[in-house]
Amino acid sequence: MLEKMNKQEFNQTLEQGVSALSIKLNQNQLDQFYTMMNLLLSWNEKINLTAITDPEEIIVKHFVDSLTISSYLKQGATVIDVGTGAGFPGIPLKIARPDLTITLLDSLGKRVKFLEEVIHNLKLIQIKAIHARAEDYAQQNREQYDVATSRAVAKLSVLTEYLLPFVTVGGIAVSMKGAEIKEELKEAEKAIHVLGGKIEEAKSFSLLATEMKRNIIVLKKVSSTPQKYPRKAGIPAKEPIE
């Protein structure tokens, strides 16, 4: 599978992609991304981590896409990546931004084992993978993070209940979304308000030279989330605050 792209081609494609985001990677960081791609592809044969297996698509749709939120993260921020899956956006952010302290949260134990192997192989520090549901982990870690983020996990009215309880007042929740979000934003207005947030920014863009439309929603945490949120595991998805 990997013979389609040697290391030199990989480096050139990735460097080109991140340069559009004004990010520069050193040789060690390029090597870390290459190792992560290899681990992703080999583990993907055993457990379902991604439907994207073409190296060029991995670079654009996983690595570069994950880094589109880097500019929203202040130096030294503590970040929780909720429903991280195969480690996106958390691991690419950690590679490109060693200053960040990152928690990767996922509800599937097999994925967490994969994340732990990536962290070990890439020799990353100040990053950990946690096996838990967002609703449960938030109860013990309320308002502990500068940033909570998530990529394509749930609709915004639900996602807000997963993210905002983690965020300290003054911090942000950053949701990475696909093309259509107008309706989602409207439906999520009540949840955002109830959970102590306000919409800071909603930015639409195309991913690199592709036709893929992306949206980044930034919610500012303006007041503490009421103690009753998040509700028990499973309830936010079944009964969104709308």
Protein backbone atom coordinates (compact mmCIF):
# COMPACT_ATOMS: atom_id res chain seq x y z
CA MET A 1 0.00 0.00 0.00
CA LEU A 2 2.81 2.40 0.90
CA GLU A 3 4.87 1.88 -2.25
CA LYS A 4 2.59 4.49 -3.82
CA MET A 5 4.44 7.16 -1.87
CA ASN A 6 8.05 7.09 -0.76
CA LYS A 7 9.33 9.18 2.12
CA GLN A 8 10.57 12.01 -0.05
CA GLU A 9 7.22 12.35 -1.84
CA PHE A 10 5.43 12.14 1.51
CA ASN A 11 7.56 14.94 2.97
CA GLN A 12 7.04 17.18 -0.07
CA THR A 13 3.26 16.64 -0.11
CA LEU A 14 2.91 17.26 3.63
CA GLU A 15 5.20 20.33 3.63
CA GLN A 16 3.21 21.81 0.77
CA GLY A 17 -0.06 21.15 2.60
CA VAL A 18 0.97 22.69 5.93
CA SER A 19 2.66 25.69 4.30
CA ALA A 20 -0.83 26.87 3.27
CA LEU A 21 -1.54 27.07 7.05
CA SER A 22 1.76 28.92 7.70
CA ILE A 23 3.09 25.87 9.56
CA LYS A 24 6.70 24.72 9.12
CA LEU A 25 7.75 21.22 10.14
CA ASN A 26 11.29 20.08 10.94
CA GLN A 27 12.73 16.71 9.87
CA ASN A 28 11.80 15.01 13.14
CA GLN A 29 8.18 16.16 12.80
CA LEU A 30 8.03 14.95 9.19
CA ASP A 31 9.40 11.58 10.34
CA GLN A 32 6.74 11.42 13.09
CA PHE A 33 3.93 12.02 10.60
CA TYR A 34 5.36 9.34 8.28
CA THR A 35 5.54 6.84 11.15
CA MET A 36 1.99 7.67 12.16
CA MET A 37 0.74 7.03 8.63
CA ASN A 38 2.46 3.62 8.58
CA LEU A 39 1.01 2.69 11.98
CA LEU A 40 -2.46 3.83 10.91
CA LEU A 41 -2.35 1.71 7.76
CA SER A 42 -0.99 -1.42 9.47
CA TRP A 43 -3.44 -1.23 12.40
CA ASN A 44 -6.28 -0.45 10.01
CA GLU A 45 -5.96 -3.98 8.63
CA LYS A 46 -6.84 -5.34 12.11
CA ILE A 47 -9.35 -2.78 13.39
CA ASN A 48 -11.43 -0.20 11.57
CA LEU A 49 -9.67 3.13 12.15
CA THR A 50 -10.20 4.94 8.85
CA ALA A 51 -11.83 4.50 5.45
CA ILE A 52 -9.04 6.68 3.99
CA THR A 53 -6.04 4.53 3.01
CA ASP A 54 -4.46 6.42 0.12
CA PRO A 55 -1.30 8.18 1.44
CA GLU A 56 -2.04 11.46 -0.31
CA GLU A 57 -5.58 11.48 1.08
CA ILE A 58 -4.29 10.68 4.57
CA ILE A 59 -2.01 13.71 4.34
CA VAL A 60 -4.77 16.06 3.20
CA LYS A 61 -7.90 14.70 4.89
CA HIS A 62 -6.35 13.63 8.19
CA PHE A 63 -3.06 15.45 8.82
CA VAL A 64 -3.57 18.85 7.16
CA ASP A 65 -7.27 18.94 8.05
CA SER A 66 -6.40 18.37 11.73
CA LEU A 67 -3.95 21.28 11.66
CA THR A 68 -6.51 23.79 10.33
CA ILE A 69 -7.42 24.63 13.95
CA SER A 70 -3.84 25.20 15.14
CA SER A 71 -4.08 28.99 14.91
CA TYR A 72 -6.94 28.99 17.46
CA LEU A 73 -4.81 27.33 20.13
CA LYS A 74 -2.75 29.64 22.31
CA GLN A 75 0.84 28.78 23.22
CA GLY A 76 1.00 26.06 25.89
CA ALA A 77 -2.75 25.39 25.84
CA THR A 78 -4.25 22.31 27.51
CA VAL A 79 -6.44 20.56 24.96
CA ILE A 80 -8.90 17.65 25.13
CA ASP A 81 -9.78 15.92 21.86
CA VAL A 82 -13.20 14.34 22.42
CA GLY A 83 -14.05 11.23 20.36
CA THR A 84 -10.57 11.32 18.87
CA GLY A 85 -10.94 8.02 16.97
CA ALA A 86 -7.59 7.37 15.26
CA GLY A 87 -6.13 10.47 16.91
CA PHE A 88 -7.53 13.31 14.84
CA PRO A 89 -7.06 16.19 15.32
CA GLY A 90 -5.10 15.60 18.57
CA ILE A 91 -1.98 13.74 17.40
CA PRO A 92 -1.21 15.92 14.34
CA LEU A 93 -1.65 18.97 16.58
CA LYS A 94 0.77 17.51 19.13
CA ILE A 95 3.38 16.71 16.46
CA ALA A 96 3.18 20.18 14.90
CA ARG A 97 2.75 21.98 18.25
CA PRO A 98 4.91 20.31 20.95
CA ASP A 99 3.97 23.19 23.29
CA LEU A 100 0.42 21.80 23.66
CA THR A 101 -0.63 19.39 26.44
CA ILE A 102 -3.19 17.02 24.94
CA THR A 103 -5.69 14.46 26.24
CA LEU A 104 -7.11 12.06 23.63
CA LEU A 105 -10.50 10.75 24.70
CA ASP A 106 -12.23 7.79 23.06
CA SER A 107 -14.89 5.30 24.14
CA LEU A 108 -13.39 2.31 22.28
CA GLY A 109 -10.59 0.42 24.03
CA LYS A 110 -9.00 -0.91 20.81
CA ARG A 111 -8.61 2.60 19.44
CA VAL A 112 -7.02 3.73 22.71
CA LYS A 113 -4.46 0.89 22.38
CA PHE A 114 -3.62 2.16 18.89
CA LEU A 115 -3.25 5.72 20.21
CA GLU A 116 -0.94 4.51 22.99
CA GLU A 117 1.25 2.74 20.43
CA VAL A 118 1.45 5.89 18.29
CA ILE A 119 2.39 8.00 21.34
CA HIS A 120 5.08 5.47 22.30
CA ASN A 121 6.53 5.08 18.78
CA LEU A 122 6.60 8.83 18.12
CA LYS A 123 8.13 9.47 21.58
CA LEU A 124 5.52 12.15 22.27
CA ILE A 125 5.34 13.68 25.75
CA GLN A 126 2.58 15.62 27.52
CA ILE A 127 -0.08 13.65 25.69
CA LYS A 128 -2.23 10.77 26.97
CA ALA A 129 -4.99 8.55 25.65
CA ILE A 130 -8.01 7.91 27.91
CA HIS A 131 -10.63 5.20 27.45
CA ALA A 132 -13.93 6.76 28.61
CA ARG A 133 -17.23 8.26 27.51
CA ALA A 134 -17.16 12.04 27.27
CA GLU A 135 -20.15 12.41 29.62
CA ASP A 136 -18.45 10.35 32.37
CA TYR A 137 -14.97 11.84 32.00
CA ALA A 138 -16.35 15.39 32.06
CA GLN A 139 -17.91 14.86 35.48
CA GLN A 140 -14.45 14.25 37.00
CA ASN A 141 -12.64 16.82 34.85
CA ARG A 142 -14.97 19.78 34.73
CA GLU A 143 -13.58 23.07 33.41
CA GLN A 144 -10.01 21.74 33.38
CA TYR A 145 -9.00 22.58 29.81
CA ASP A 146 -8.25 25.71 27.79
CA VAL A 147 -9.64 24.02 24.67
CA ALA A 148 -12.01 21.14 23.93
CA THR A 149 -12.15 20.03 20.32
CA SER A 150 -13.78 17.37 18.20
CA ARG A 151 -13.89 16.39 14.56
CA ALA A 152 -17.13 15.11 13.02
CA VAL A 153 -18.39 13.34 16.16
CA ALA A 154 -22.01 14.52 16.50
CA LYS A 155 -24.34 17.33 15.52
CA LEU A 156 -23.53 20.61 17.22
CA SER A 157 -26.40 20.63 19.74
CA VAL A 158 -25.10 17.28 21.06
CA LEU A 159 -21.41 18.06 20.65
CA THR A 160 -21.72 21.23 22.70
CA GLU A 161 -22.79 19.15 25.70
CA TYR A 162 -19.75 16.90 25.21
CA LEU A 163 -17.28 19.78 24.86
CA LEU A 164 -18.25 22.85 26.91
CA PRO A 165 -18.26 21.15 30.35
CA PHE A 166 -14.53 20.44 29.91
CA VAL A 167 -13.63 24.06 29.13
CA THR A 168 -12.48 26.58 31.70
CA VAL A 169 -14.34 29.93 31.68
CA GLY A 170 -12.54 32.07 29.12
CA GLY A 171 -11.49 29.01 27.11
CA ILE A 172 -12.91 27.74 23.82
CA ALA A 173 -14.63 24.72 22.27
CA VAL A 174 -13.61 24.16 18.65
CA SER A 175 -15.84 21.95 16.48
CA MET A 176 -14.55 20.73 13.12
CA LYS A 177 -17.43 20.19 10.74
CA GLY A 178 -18.23 19.26 7.15
CA ALA A 179 -19.99 21.38 4.55
CA GLU A 180 -23.49 22.19 5.81
CA ILE A 181 -23.79 23.80 9.23
CA LYS A 182 -26.42 26.56 9.02
CA GLU A 183 -29.19 24.33 10.33
CA GLU A 184 -26.92 22.81 12.99
CA LEU A 185 -25.89 26.23 14.26
CA LYS A 186 -29.52 27.31 14.56
CA GLU A 187 -30.50 24.09 16.38
CA ALA A 188 -27.55 24.43 18.76
CA GLU A 189 -28.26 28.01 19.89
CA LYS A 190 -30.12 26.96 23.04
CA ALA A 191 -27.55 24.32 24.03
CA ILE A 192 -24.67 26.79 23.58
CA HIS A 193 -26.44 29.34 25.80
CA VAL A 194 -27.51 26.86 28.49
CA LEU A 195 -24.03 25.33 28.73
CA GLY A 196 -22.28 28.68 29.20
CA GLY A 197 -21.02 29.40 25.71
CA LYS A 198 -21.40 31.90 22.91
CA ILE A 199 -20.52 31.65 19.23
CA GLU A 200 -17.19 33.38 18.71
CA GLU A 201 -16.60 32.42 15.09
CA ALA A 202 -18.00 30.24 12.32
CA LYS A 203 -15.53 29.93 9.48
CA SER A 204 -16.11 28.15 6.14
CA PHE A 205 -13.25 27.19 3.85
CA SER A 206 -12.13 24.66 1.23
CA LEU A 207 -9.48 22.18 2.26
CA LEU A 208 -6.36 22.97 0.24
CA ALA A 209 -6.91 22.65 -3.51
CA THR A 210 -9.83 20.27 -3.06
CA GLU A 211 -13.55 20.78 -3.37
CA MET A 212 -13.99 19.62 0.23
CA LYS A 213 -15.87 22.22 2.22
CA ARG A 214 -15.03 22.52 5.90
CA ASN A 215 -16.33 24.59 8.79
CA ILE A 216 -14.73 25.52 12.08
CA ILE A 217 -17.07 26.61 14.87
CA VAL A 218 -15.43 28.35 17.82
CA LEU A 219 -17.47 28.70 21.01
CA LYS A 220 -16.20 30.94 23.80
CA LYS A 221 -16.93 29.76 27.36
CA VAL A 222 -18.40 32.84 29.03
CA SER A 223 -19.86 31.30 32.20
CA SER A 224 -19.65 28.03 34.15
CA THR A 225 -21.62 25.07 32.85
CA PRO A 226 -24.46 24.13 35.25
CA GLN A 227 -23.57 21.08 37.39
CA LYS A 228 -26.31 18.94 35.86
CA TYR A 229 -24.45 18.90 32.52
CA PRO A 230 -23.27 16.78 30.91
CA ARG A 231 -26.14 14.40 31.56
CA LYS A 232 -25.60 10.64 31.85
CA ALA A 233 -23.87 8.78 29.02
CA GLY A 234 -26.13 8.39 26.00
CA ILE A 235 -28.71 11.01 26.99
CA PRO A 236 -27.22 14.02 25.13
CA ALA A 237 -27.39 12.10 21.83
CA LYS A 238 -30.94 10.85 22.50
CA GLU A 239 -32.34 14.12 23.90
CA PRO A 240 -30.32 17.11 22.66
CA ILE A 241 -30.87 20.48 24.35
CA GLU A 242 -32.89 22.20 21.62
